[in-house]
């Protein structure tokens, strides 16, 4: 399964980004092949609609779960309709490699 994680940067040492729609990067991790893809978020500076546009971006990568610090109120119904699970992780200190390790267990 592919999992999108919101990230402050494009390395495994980057921290989780608390903002879903306006995160700096999405890290798409495939739990089966163990592949990792860093996708710059083109919506981070959008005036409006960053959340729904970001949902479209990660949904186009066929993710089944999204890990982020928080999601806007418009996001849950969108993700529900796409059958994508939201995982809220409030720990600001988690790095990408920590989260990927948690997903592997």
PDB file of N, CA and C in Angstrom:
ATOM      1  N   UNK A   1       0.835  -1.185   0.000  1.00  0.00           N
ATOM      2  CA  UNK A   1       0.000   0.000   0.000  1.00  0.00           C
ATOM      3  C   UNK A   1       0.880   1.249   0.000  1.00  0.00           C
ATOM      4  N   UNK A   2       0.431   2.250  -0.720  1.00  0.00           N
ATOM      5  CA  UNK A   2       1.170   3.511  -0.728  1.00  0.00           C
ATOM      6  C   UNK A   2       0.609   4.440   0.337  1.00  0.00           C
ATOM      7  N   UNK A   3       1.525   5.114   1.040  1.00  0.00           N
ATOM      8  CA  UNK A   3       1.166   6.043   2.104  1.00  0.00           C
ATOM      9  C   UNK A   3       1.813   7.389   1.803  1.00  0.00           C
ATOM     10  N   UNK A   4       1.023   8.454   1.840  1.00  0.00           N
ATOM     11  CA  UNK A   4       1.571   9.807   1.668  1.00  0.00           C
ATOM     12  C   UNK A   4       1.795  10.407   3.055  1.00  0.00           C
ATOM     13  N   UNK A   5       2.951  11.023   3.235  1.00  0.00           N
ATOM     14  CA  UNK A   5       3.294  11.659   4.509  1.00  0.00           C
ATOM     15  C   UNK A   5       3.631  13.116   4.208  1.00  0.00           C
ATOM     16  N   UNK A   6       3.070  14.047   4.985  1.00  0.00           N
ATOM     17  CA  UNK A   6       3.403  15.454   4.774  1.00  0.00           C
ATOM     18  C   UNK A   6       4.760  15.732   5.416  1.00  0.00           C
ATOM     19  N   UNK A   7       5.625  16.428   4.667  1.00  0.00           N
ATOM     20  CA  UNK A   7       7.002  16.624   5.107  1.00  0.00           C
ATOM     21  C   UNK A   7       7.440  18.078   4.938  1.00  0.00           C
ATOM     22  N   UNK A   8       8.341  18.511   5.840  1.00  0.00           N
ATOM     23  CA  UNK A   8       8.885  19.869   5.755  1.00  0.00           C
ATOM     24  C   UNK A   8      10.011  19.966   4.734  1.00  0.00           C
ATOM     25  N   UNK A   9      10.540  18.815   4.279  1.00  0.00           N
ATOM     26  CA  UNK A   9      11.659  18.839   3.336  1.00  0.00           C
ATOM     27  C   UNK A   9      11.703  17.586   2.492  1.00  0.00           C
ATOM     28  N   UNK A  10      12.787  17.454   1.720  1.00  0.00           N
ATOM     29  CA  UNK A  10      12.868  16.328   0.777  1.00  0.00           C
ATOM     30  C   UNK A  10      13.956  15.322   1.150  1.00  0.00           C
ATOM     31  N   UNK A  11      14.130  15.104   2.477  1.00  0.00           N
ATOM     32  CA  UNK A  11      15.046  14.060   2.937  1.00  0.00           C
ATOM     33  C   UNK A  11      14.352  13.228   4.009  1.00  0.00           C
ATOM     34  N   UNK A  12      14.928  12.079   4.309  1.00  0.00           N
ATOM     35  CA  UNK A  12      14.366  11.222   5.358  1.00  0.00           C
ATOM     36  C   UNK A  12      14.577  11.818   6.746  1.00  0.00           C
ATOM     37  N   UNK A  13      15.435  12.838   6.848  1.00  0.00           N
ATOM     38  CA  UNK A  13      15.660  13.536   8.118  1.00  0.00           C
ATOM     39  C   UNK A  13      14.678  14.691   8.323  1.00  0.00           C
ATOM     40  N   UNK A  14      13.842  14.967   7.312  1.00  0.00           N
ATOM     41  CA  UNK A  14      12.861  16.051   7.417  1.00  0.00           C
ATOM     42  C   UNK A  14      11.777  15.666   8.427  1.00  0.00           C
ATOM     43  N   UNK A  15      11.216  16.698   9.061  1.00  0.00           N
ATOM     44  CA  UNK A  15      10.155  16.478  10.043  1.00  0.00           C
ATOM     45  C   UNK A  15       8.791  16.430   9.358  1.00  0.00           C
ATOM     46  N   UNK A  16       7.817  15.831  10.071  1.00  0.00           N
ATOM     47  CA  UNK A  16       6.447  15.831   9.572  1.00  0.00           C
ATOM     48  C   UNK A  16       5.960  17.277   9.499  1.00  0.00           C
ATOM     49  N   UNK A  17       5.278  17.614   8.414  1.00  0.00           N
ATOM     50  CA  UNK A  17       4.682  18.944   8.276  1.00  0.00           C
ATOM     51  C   UNK A  17       3.280  18.855   8.867  1.00  0.00           C
ATOM     52  N   UNK A  18       2.962  19.766   9.775  1.00  0.00           N
ATOM     53  CA  UNK A  18       1.661  19.716  10.437  1.00  0.00           C
ATOM     54  C   UNK A  18       0.519  20.114   9.504  1.00  0.00           C
ATOM     55  N   UNK A  19       0.819  20.766   8.408  1.00  0.00           N
ATOM     56  CA  UNK A  19      -0.221  21.239   7.491  1.00  0.00           C
ATOM     57  C   UNK A  19      -0.344  20.271   6.316  1.00  0.00           C
ATOM     58  N   UNK A  20      -1.559  19.811   6.055  1.00  0.00           N
ATOM     59  CA  UNK A  20      -1.747  18.892   4.929  1.00  0.00           C
ATOM     60  C   UNK A  20      -1.692  19.639   3.596  1.00  0.00           C
ATOM     61  N   UNK A  21      -2.625  20.521   3.354  1.00  0.00           N
ATOM     62  CA  UNK A  21      -2.742  21.170   2.054  1.00  0.00           C
ATOM     63  C   UNK A  21      -1.569  22.059   1.689  1.00  0.00           C
ATOM     64  N   UNK A  22      -0.923  22.625   2.706  1.00  0.00           N
ATOM     65  CA  UNK A  22       0.173  23.563   2.458  1.00  0.00           C
ATOM     66  C   UNK A  22       1.536  23.032   2.911  1.00  0.00           C
ATOM     67  N   UNK A  23       1.652  21.718   3.011  1.00  0.00           N
ATOM     68  CA  UNK A  23       2.951  21.145   3.383  1.00  0.00           C
ATOM     69  C   UNK A  23       3.972  21.435   2.282  1.00  0.00           C
ATOM     70  N   UNK A  24       5.251  21.363   2.628  1.00  0.00           N
ATOM     71  CA  UNK A  24       6.298  21.627   1.641  1.00  0.00           C
ATOM     72  C   UNK A  24       6.427  20.469   0.644  1.00  0.00           C
ATOM     73  N   UNK A  25       6.393  19.245   1.165  1.00  0.00           N
ATOM     74  CA  UNK A  25       6.544  18.047   0.326  1.00  0.00           C
ATOM     75  C   UNK A  25       5.577  16.963   0.771  1.00  0.00           C
ATOM     76  N   UNK A  26       5.258  16.085  -0.170  1.00  0.00           N
ATOM     77  CA  UNK A  26       4.602  14.821   0.156  1.00  0.00           C
ATOM     78  C   UNK A  26       5.636  13.731  -0.064  1.00  0.00           C
ATOM     79  N   UNK A  27       5.761  12.837   0.910  1.00  0.00           N
ATOM     80  CA  UNK A  27       6.614  11.672   0.753  1.00  0.00           C
ATOM     81  C   UNK A  27       5.669  10.495   0.518  1.00  0.00           C
ATOM     82  N   UNK A  28       5.786   9.875  -0.650  1.00  0.00           N
ATOM     83  CA  UNK A  28       4.945   8.716  -0.948  1.00  0.00           C
ATOM     84  C   UNK A  28       5.797   7.467  -0.739  1.00  0.00           C
ATOM     85  N   UNK A  29       5.387   6.695   0.263  1.00  0.00           N
ATOM     86  CA  UNK A  29       6.123   5.487   0.635  1.00  0.00           C
ATOM     87  C   UNK A  29       5.286   4.266   0.284  1.00  0.00           C
ATOM     88  N   UNK A  30       5.892   3.321  -0.415  1.00  0.00           N
ATOM     89  CA  UNK A  30       5.211   2.083  -0.785  1.00  0.00           C
ATOM     90  C   UNK A  30       5.634   0.997   0.197  1.00  0.00           C
ATOM     91  N   UNK A  31       4.685   0.519   1.004  1.00  0.00           N
ATOM     92  CA  UNK A  31       5.017  -0.454   2.057  1.00  0.00           C
ATOM     93  C   UNK A  31       5.410  -1.814   1.480  1.00  0.00           C
ATOM     94  N   UNK A  32       5.054  -2.082   0.228  1.00  0.00           N
ATOM     95  CA  UNK A  32       5.412  -3.370  -0.371  1.00  0.00           C
ATOM     96  C   UNK A  32       6.788  -3.322  -1.036  1.00  0.00           C
ATOM     97  N   UNK A  33       6.988  -2.354  -1.922  1.00  0.00           N
ATOM     98  CA  UNK A  33       8.268  -2.290  -2.639  1.00  0.00           C
ATOM     99  C   UNK A  33       9.334  -1.516  -1.865  1.00  0.00           C
ATOM    100  N   UNK A  34       8.913  -0.824  -0.796  1.00  0.00           N
ATOM    101  CA  UNK A  34       9.793   0.019   0.041  1.00  0.00           C
ATOM    102  C   UNK A  34      10.336   1.225  -0.726  1.00  0.00           C
ATOM    103  N   UNK A  35       9.709   1.567  -1.857  1.00  0.00           N
ATOM    104  CA  UNK A  35      10.175   2.730  -2.624  1.00  0.00           C
ATOM    105  C   UNK A  35       9.678   4.018  -1.963  1.00  0.00           C
ATOM    106  N   UNK A  36      10.455   5.077  -2.139  1.00  0.00           N
ATOM    107  CA  UNK A  36      10.138   6.379  -1.547  1.00  0.00           C
ATOM    108  C   UNK A  36      10.231   7.431  -2.636  1.00  0.00           C
ATOM    109  N   UNK A  37       9.183   8.254  -2.730  1.00  0.00           N
ATOM    110  CA  UNK A  37       9.164   9.329  -3.724  1.00  0.00           C
ATOM    111  C   UNK A  37       8.885  10.640  -2.998  1.00  0.00           C
ATOM    112  N   UNK A  38       9.688  11.660  -3.274  1.00  0.00           N
ATOM    113  CA  UNK A  38       9.481  12.991  -2.703  1.00  0.00           C
ATOM    114  C   UNK A  38       8.821  13.861  -3.767  1.00  0.00           C
ATOM    115  N   UNK A  39       7.647  14.413  -3.432  1.00  0.00           N
ATOM    116  CA  UNK A  39       6.910  15.234  -4.386  1.00  0.00           C
ATOM    117  C   UNK A  39       6.773  16.643  -3.807  1.00  0.00           C
ATOM    118  N   UNK A  40       7.362  17.649  -4.462  1.00  0.00           N
ATOM    119  CA  UNK A  40       7.156  19.024  -4.002  1.00  0.00           C
ATOM    120  C   UNK A  40       5.668  19.373  -4.111  1.00  0.00           C
ATOM    121  N   UNK A  41       5.128  20.061  -3.121  1.00  0.00           N
ATOM    122  CA  UNK A  41       3.704  20.400  -3.131  1.00  0.00           C
ATOM    123  C   UNK A  41       3.486  21.708  -3.891  1.00  0.00           C
ATOM    124  N   UNK A  42       2.910  21.634  -5.097  1.00  0.00           N
ATOM    125  CA  UNK A  42       2.692  22.852  -5.879  1.00  0.00           C
ATOM    126  C   UNK A  42       1.588  23.734  -5.299  1.00  0.00           C
ATOM    127  N   UNK A  43       0.838  23.217  -4.305  1.00  0.00           N
ATOM    128  CA  UNK A  43      -0.299  23.949  -3.738  1.00  0.00           C
ATOM    129  C   UNK A  43       0.049  24.724  -2.467  1.00  0.00           C
ATOM    130  N   UNK A  44       1.307  24.638  -2.015  1.00  0.00           N
ATOM    131  CA  UNK A  44       1.631  25.208  -0.702  1.00  0.00           C
ATOM    132  C   UNK A  44       1.429  26.715  -0.615  1.00  0.00           C
ATOM    133  N   UNK A  45       1.522  27.412  -1.750  1.00  0.00           N
ATOM    134  CA  UNK A  45       1.339  28.856  -1.744  1.00  0.00           C
ATOM    135  C   UNK A  45       0.028  29.296  -2.401  1.00  0.00           C
ATOM    136  N   UNK A  46      -0.872  28.347  -2.618  1.00  0.00           N
ATOM    137  CA  UNK A  46      -2.147  28.676  -3.260  1.00  0.00           C
ATOM    138  C   UNK A  46      -2.964  29.616  -2.378  1.00  0.00           C
ATOM    139  N   UNK A  47      -3.665  30.547  -3.002  1.00  0.00           N
ATOM    140  CA  UNK A  47      -4.509  31.481  -2.247  1.00  0.00           C
ATOM    141  C   UNK A  47      -5.640  30.729  -1.555  1.00  0.00           C
ATOM    142  N   UNK A  48      -6.270  29.808  -2.291  1.00  0.00           N
ATOM    143  CA  UNK A  48      -7.341  28.996  -1.711  1.00  0.00           C
ATOM    144  C   UNK A  48      -7.393  27.655  -2.419  1.00  0.00           C
ATOM    145  N   UNK A  49      -8.050  26.694  -1.778  1.00  0.00           N
ATOM    146  CA  UNK A  49      -8.203  25.383  -2.397  1.00  0.00           C
ATOM    147  C   UNK A  49      -6.972  24.495  -2.322  1.00  0.00           C
ATOM    148  N   UNK A  50      -6.020  24.835  -1.437  1.00  0.00           N
ATOM    149  CA  UNK A  50      -4.792  24.033  -1.334  1.00  0.00           C
ATOM    150  C   UNK A  50      -5.095  22.594  -0.890  1.00  0.00           C
ATOM    151  N   UNK A  51      -6.014  22.450   0.061  1.00  0.00           N
ATOM    152  CA  UNK A  51      -6.347  21.114   0.573  1.00  0.00           C
ATOM    153  C   UNK A  51      -6.915  20.200  -0.489  1.00  0.00           C
ATOM    154  N   UNK A  52      -8.039  20.604  -1.132  1.00  0.00           N
ATOM    155  CA  UNK A  52      -8.613  19.743  -2.177  1.00  0.00           C
ATOM    156  C   UNK A  52      -7.636  19.464  -3.325  1.00  0.00           C
ATOM    157  N   UNK A  53      -6.837  20.470  -3.713  1.00  0.00           N
ATOM    158  CA  UNK A  53      -5.861  20.255  -4.786  1.00  0.00           C
ATOM    159  C   UNK A  53      -4.800  19.244  -4.352  1.00  0.00           C
ATOM    160  N   UNK A  54      -4.412  19.298  -3.074  1.00  0.00           N
ATOM    161  CA  UNK A  54      -3.430  18.344  -2.552  1.00  0.00           C
ATOM    162  C   UNK A  54      -4.011  16.942  -2.480  1.00  0.00           C
ATOM    163  N   UNK A  55      -5.314  16.833  -2.171  1.00  0.00           N
ATOM    164  CA  UNK A  55      -5.975  15.525  -2.190  1.00  0.00           C
ATOM    165  C   UNK A  55      -5.882  14.931  -3.592  1.00  0.00           C
ATOM    166  N   UNK A  56      -6.153  15.739  -4.619  1.00  0.00           N
ATOM    167  CA  UNK A  56      -6.070  15.248  -5.997  1.00  0.00           C
ATOM    168  C   UNK A  56      -4.662  14.779  -6.318  1.00  0.00           C
ATOM    169  N   UNK A  57      -3.660  15.543  -5.859  1.00  0.00           N
ATOM    170  CA  UNK A  57      -2.262  15.197  -6.134  1.00  0.00           C
ATOM    171  C   UNK A  57      -1.909  13.829  -5.545  1.00  0.00           C
ATOM    172  N   UNK A  58      -2.204  13.619  -4.254  1.00  0.00           N
ATOM    173  CA  UNK A  58      -1.827  12.339  -3.638  1.00  0.00           C
ATOM    174  C   UNK A  58      -2.727  11.194  -4.115  1.00  0.00           C
ATOM    175  N   UNK A  59      -3.993  11.498  -4.419  1.00  0.00           N
ATOM    176  CA  UNK A  59      -4.896  10.457  -4.922  1.00  0.00           C
ATOM    177  C   UNK A  59      -4.407   9.959  -6.288  1.00  0.00           C
ATOM    178  N   UNK A  60      -3.784  10.853  -7.072  1.00  0.00           N
ATOM    179  CA  UNK A  60      -3.268  10.448  -8.384  1.00  0.00           C
ATOM    180  C   UNK A  60      -2.098   9.476  -8.250  1.00  0.00           C
ATOM    181  N   UNK A  61      -1.519   9.395  -7.056  1.00  0.00           N
ATOM    182  CA  UNK A  61      -0.429   8.437  -6.784  1.00  0.00           C
ATOM    183  C   UNK A  61      -0.961   7.135  -6.177  1.00  0.00           C
ATOM    184  N   UNK A  62      -2.285   6.989  -6.121  1.00  0.00           N
ATOM    185  CA  UNK A  62      -2.933   5.770  -5.610  1.00  0.00           C
ATOM    186  C   UNK A  62      -2.581   5.447  -4.167  1.00  0.00           C
ATOM    187  N   UNK A  63      -2.560   6.466  -3.313  1.00  0.00           N
ATOM    188  CA  UNK A  63      -2.265   6.208  -1.898  1.00  0.00           C
ATOM    189  C   UNK A  63      -3.514   5.691  -1.188  1.00  0.00           C
ATOM    190  N   UNK A  64      -3.290   4.882  -0.147  1.00  0.00           N
ATOM    191  CA  UNK A  64      -4.391   4.357   0.651  1.00  0.00           C
ATOM    192  C   UNK A  64      -4.506   5.045   1.994  1.00  0.00           C
ATOM    193  N   UNK A  65      -3.426   5.727   2.397  1.00  0.00           N
ATOM    194  CA  UNK A  65      -3.403   6.428   3.686  1.00  0.00           C
ATOM    195  C   UNK A  65      -2.613   7.722   3.530  1.00  0.00           C
ATOM    196  N   UNK A  66      -2.964   8.708   4.361  1.00  0.00           N
ATOM    197  CA  UNK A  66      -2.200   9.954   4.426  1.00  0.00           C
ATOM    198  C   UNK A  66      -1.894  10.235   5.889  1.00  0.00           C
ATOM    199  N   UNK A  67      -0.618  10.501   6.168  1.00  0.00           N
ATOM    200  CA  UNK A  67      -0.189  10.848   7.530  1.00  0.00           C
ATOM    201  C   UNK A  67       0.154  12.332   7.541  1.00  0.00           C
ATOM    202  N   UNK A  68      -0.496  13.094   8.439  1.00  0.00           N
ATOM    203  CA  UNK A  68      -0.230  14.526   8.554  1.00  0.00           C
ATOM    204  C   UNK A  68      -0.532  14.977   9.974  1.00  0.00           C
ATOM    205  N   UNK A  69      -0.092  16.179  10.306  1.00  0.00           N
ATOM    206  CA  UNK A  69      -0.377  16.740  11.630  1.00  0.00           C
ATOM    207  C   UNK A  69      -1.836  17.123  11.776  1.00  0.00           C
ATOM    208  N   UNK A  70      -2.385  17.746  10.738  1.00  0.00           N
ATOM    209  CA  UNK A  70      -3.799  18.089  10.763  1.00  0.00           C
ATOM    210  C   UNK A  70      -4.334  18.219   9.350  1.00  0.00           C
ATOM    211  N   UNK A  71      -5.651  18.076   9.251  1.00  0.00           N
ATOM    212  CA  UNK A  71      -6.344  18.160   7.968  1.00  0.00           C
ATOM    213  C   UNK A  71      -7.418  19.234   8.092  1.00  0.00           C
ATOM    214  N   UNK A  72      -7.640  19.998   7.035  1.00  0.00           N
ATOM    215  CA  UNK A  72      -8.716  20.994   7.051  1.00  0.00           C
ATOM    216  C   UNK A  72     -10.081  20.322   7.047  1.00  0.00           C
ATOM    217  N   UNK A  73     -11.112  21.108   7.368  1.00  0.00           N
ATOM    218  CA  UNK A  73     -12.459  20.534   7.491  1.00  0.00           C
ATOM    219  C   UNK A  73     -13.024  20.041   6.156  1.00  0.00           C
ATOM    220  N   UNK A  74     -12.540  20.572   5.043  1.00  0.00           N
ATOM    221  CA  UNK A  74     -13.053  20.138   3.737  1.00  0.00           C
ATOM    222  C   UNK A  74     -12.452  18.807   3.294  1.00  0.00           C
ATOM    223  N   UNK A  75     -11.407  18.372   3.983  1.00  0.00           N
ATOM    224  CA  UNK A  75     -10.628  17.236   3.502  1.00  0.00           C
ATOM    225  C   UNK A  75     -11.251  15.884   3.830  1.00  0.00           C
ATOM    226  N   UNK A  76     -11.797  15.731   5.041  1.00  0.00           N
ATOM    227  CA  UNK A  76     -12.314  14.427   5.456  1.00  0.00           C
ATOM    228  C   UNK A  76     -13.358  13.862   4.493  1.00  0.00           C
ATOM    229  N   UNK A  77     -14.408  14.643   4.107  1.00  0.00           N
ATOM    230  CA  UNK A  77     -15.382  14.057   3.179  1.00  0.00           C
ATOM    231  C   UNK A  77     -14.763  13.672   1.827  1.00  0.00           C
ATOM    232  N   UNK A  78     -13.797  14.460   1.377  1.00  0.00           N
ATOM    233  CA  UNK A  78     -13.113  14.138   0.116  1.00  0.00           C
ATOM    234  C   UNK A  78     -12.372  12.807   0.230  1.00  0.00           C
ATOM    235  N   UNK A  79     -11.605  12.665   1.315  1.00  0.00           N
ATOM    236  CA  UNK A  79     -10.831  11.431   1.491  1.00  0.00           C
ATOM    237  C   UNK A  79     -11.749  10.232   1.718  1.00  0.00           C
ATOM    238  N   UNK A  80     -12.845  10.451   2.463  1.00  0.00           N
ATOM    239  CA  UNK A  80     -13.814   9.369   2.669  1.00  0.00           C
ATOM    240  C   UNK A  80     -14.356   8.885   1.326  1.00  0.00           C
ATOM    241  N   UNK A  81     -14.689   9.816   0.442  1.00  0.00           N
ATOM    242  CA  UNK A  81     -15.257   9.428  -0.853  1.00  0.00           C
ATOM    243  C   UNK A  81     -14.242   8.678  -1.705  1.00  0.00           C
ATOM    244  N   UNK A  82     -12.958   8.939  -1.484  1.00  0.00           N
ATOM    245  CA  UNK A  82     -11.895   8.265  -2.234  1.00  0.00           C
ATOM    246  C   UNK A  82     -11.371   7.019  -1.513  1.00  0.00           C
ATOM    247  N   UNK A  83     -11.944   6.727  -0.340  1.00  0.00           N
ATOM    248  CA  UNK A  83     -11.524   5.574   0.480  1.00  0.00           C
ATOM    249  C   UNK A  83     -10.049   5.674   0.874  1.00  0.00           C
ATOM    250  N   UNK A  84      -9.614   6.893   1.225  1.00  0.00           N
ATOM    251  CA  UNK A  84      -8.246   7.111   1.698  1.00  0.00           C
ATOM    252  C   UNK A  84      -8.319   7.412   3.196  1.00  0.00           C
ATOM    253  N   UNK A  85      -7.540   6.665   3.968  1.00  0.00           N
ATOM    254  CA  UNK A  85      -7.557   6.810   5.423  1.00  0.00           C
ATOM    255  C   UNK A  85      -6.679   7.984   5.859  1.00  0.00           C
ATOM    256  N   UNK A  86      -7.194   8.795   6.803  1.00  0.00           N
ATOM    257  CA  UNK A  86      -6.417   9.891   7.394  1.00  0.00           C
ATOM    258  C   UNK A  86      -5.788   9.416   8.696  1.00  0.00           C
ATOM    259  N   UNK A  87      -4.511   9.680   8.857  1.00  0.00           N
ATOM    260  CA  UNK A  87      -3.838   9.394  10.125  1.00  0.00           C
ATOM    261  C   UNK A  87      -3.274  10.710  10.640  1.00  0.00           C
ATOM    262  N   UNK A  88      -3.773  11.152  11.801  1.00  0.00           N
ATOM    263  CA  UNK A  88      -3.314  12.410  12.393  1.00  0.00           C
ATOM    264  C   UNK A  88      -2.185  12.091  13.365  1.00  0.00           C
ATOM    265  N   UNK A  89      -1.034  12.716  13.136  1.00  0.00           N
ATOM    266  CA  UNK A  89       0.136  12.496  13.985  1.00  0.00           C
ATOM    267  C   UNK A  89       0.572  13.853  14.522  1.00  0.00           C
ATOM    268  N   UNK A  90       0.271  14.104  15.799  1.00  0.00           N
ATOM    269  CA  UNK A  90       0.522  15.421  16.392  1.00  0.00           C
ATOM    270  C   UNK A  90       1.961  15.622  16.855  1.00  0.00           C
ATOM    271  N   UNK A  91       2.785  14.589  16.753  1.00  0.00           N
ATOM    272  CA  UNK A  91       4.166  14.680  17.236  1.00  0.00           C
ATOM    273  C   UNK A  91       5.040  15.440  16.240  1.00  0.00           C
ATOM    274  N   UNK A  92       5.339  16.707  16.541  1.00  0.00           N
ATOM    275  CA  UNK A  92       6.131  17.569  15.646  1.00  0.00           C
ATOM    276  C   UNK A  92       7.552  17.059  15.460  1.00  0.00           C
ATOM    277  N   UNK A  93       8.021  16.214  16.372  1.00  0.00           N
ATOM    278  CA  UNK A  93       9.418  15.775  16.351  1.00  0.00           C
ATOM    279  C   UNK A  93       9.661  14.551  15.465  1.00  0.00           C
ATOM    280  N   UNK A  94       8.597  13.996  14.900  1.00  0.00           N
ATOM    281  CA  UNK A  94       8.768  12.787  14.081  1.00  0.00           C
ATOM    282  C   UNK A  94       9.394  13.130  12.744  1.00  0.00           C
ATOM    283  N   UNK A  95      10.426  12.359  12.386  1.00  0.00           N
ATOM    284  CA  UNK A  95      11.080  12.522  11.092  1.00  0.00           C
ATOM    285  C   UNK A  95      10.528  11.468  10.136  1.00  0.00           C
ATOM    286  N   UNK A  96      10.777  11.682   8.845  1.00  0.00           N
ATOM    287  CA  UNK A  96      10.256  10.757   7.827  1.00  0.00           C
ATOM    288  C   UNK A  96      10.701   9.327   8.089  1.00  0.00           C
ATOM    289  N   UNK A  97      11.986   9.135   8.435  1.00  0.00           N
ATOM    290  CA  UNK A  97      12.455   7.762   8.660  1.00  0.00           C
ATOM    291  C   UNK A  97      11.771   7.126   9.870  1.00  0.00           C
ATOM    292  N   UNK A  98      11.409   7.931  10.907  1.00  0.00           N
ATOM    293  CA  UNK A  98      10.682   7.395  12.073  1.00  0.00           C
ATOM    294  C   UNK A  98       9.290   6.909  11.649  1.00  0.00           C
ATOM    295  N   UNK A  99       8.620   7.720  10.836  1.00  0.00           N
ATOM    296  CA  UNK A  99       7.256   7.384  10.415  1.00  0.00           C
ATOM    297  C   UNK A  99       7.267   6.158   9.512  1.00  0.00           C
ATOM    298  N   UNK A 100       8.225   6.103   8.597  1.00  0.00           N
ATOM    299  CA  UNK A 100       8.332   4.944   7.704  1.00  0.00           C
ATOM    300  C   UNK A 100       8.604   3.677   8.516  1.00  0.00           C
ATOM    301  N   UNK A 101       9.432   3.800   9.543  1.00  0.00           N
ATOM    302  CA  UNK A 101       9.708   2.645  10.406  1.00  0.00           C
ATOM    303  C   UNK A 101       8.414   2.203  11.108  1.00  0.00           C
ATOM    304  N   UNK A 102       7.597   3.156  11.576  1.00  0.00           N
ATOM    305  CA  UNK A 102       6.320   2.803  12.218  1.00  0.00           C
ATOM    306  C   UNK A 102       5.396   2.106  11.225  1.00  0.00           C
ATOM    307  N   UNK A 103       5.383   2.561   9.971  1.00  0.00           N
ATOM    308  CA  UNK A 103       4.509   1.957   8.963  1.00  0.00           C
ATOM    309  C   UNK A 103       4.936   0.529   8.635  1.00  0.00           C
ATOM    310  N   UNK A 104       6.200   0.209   8.850  1.00  0.00           N
ATOM    311  CA  UNK A 104       6.701  -1.134   8.544  1.00  0.00           C
ATOM    312  C   UNK A 104       6.385  -2.133   9.646  1.00  0.00           C
ATOM    313  N   UNK A 105       5.838  -1.667  10.768  1.00  0.00           N
ATOM    314  CA  UNK A 105       5.571  -2.605  11.874  1.00  0.00           C
ATOM    315  C   UNK A 105       4.084  -2.802  12.093  1.00  0.00           C
TER     316      UNK A 105
END
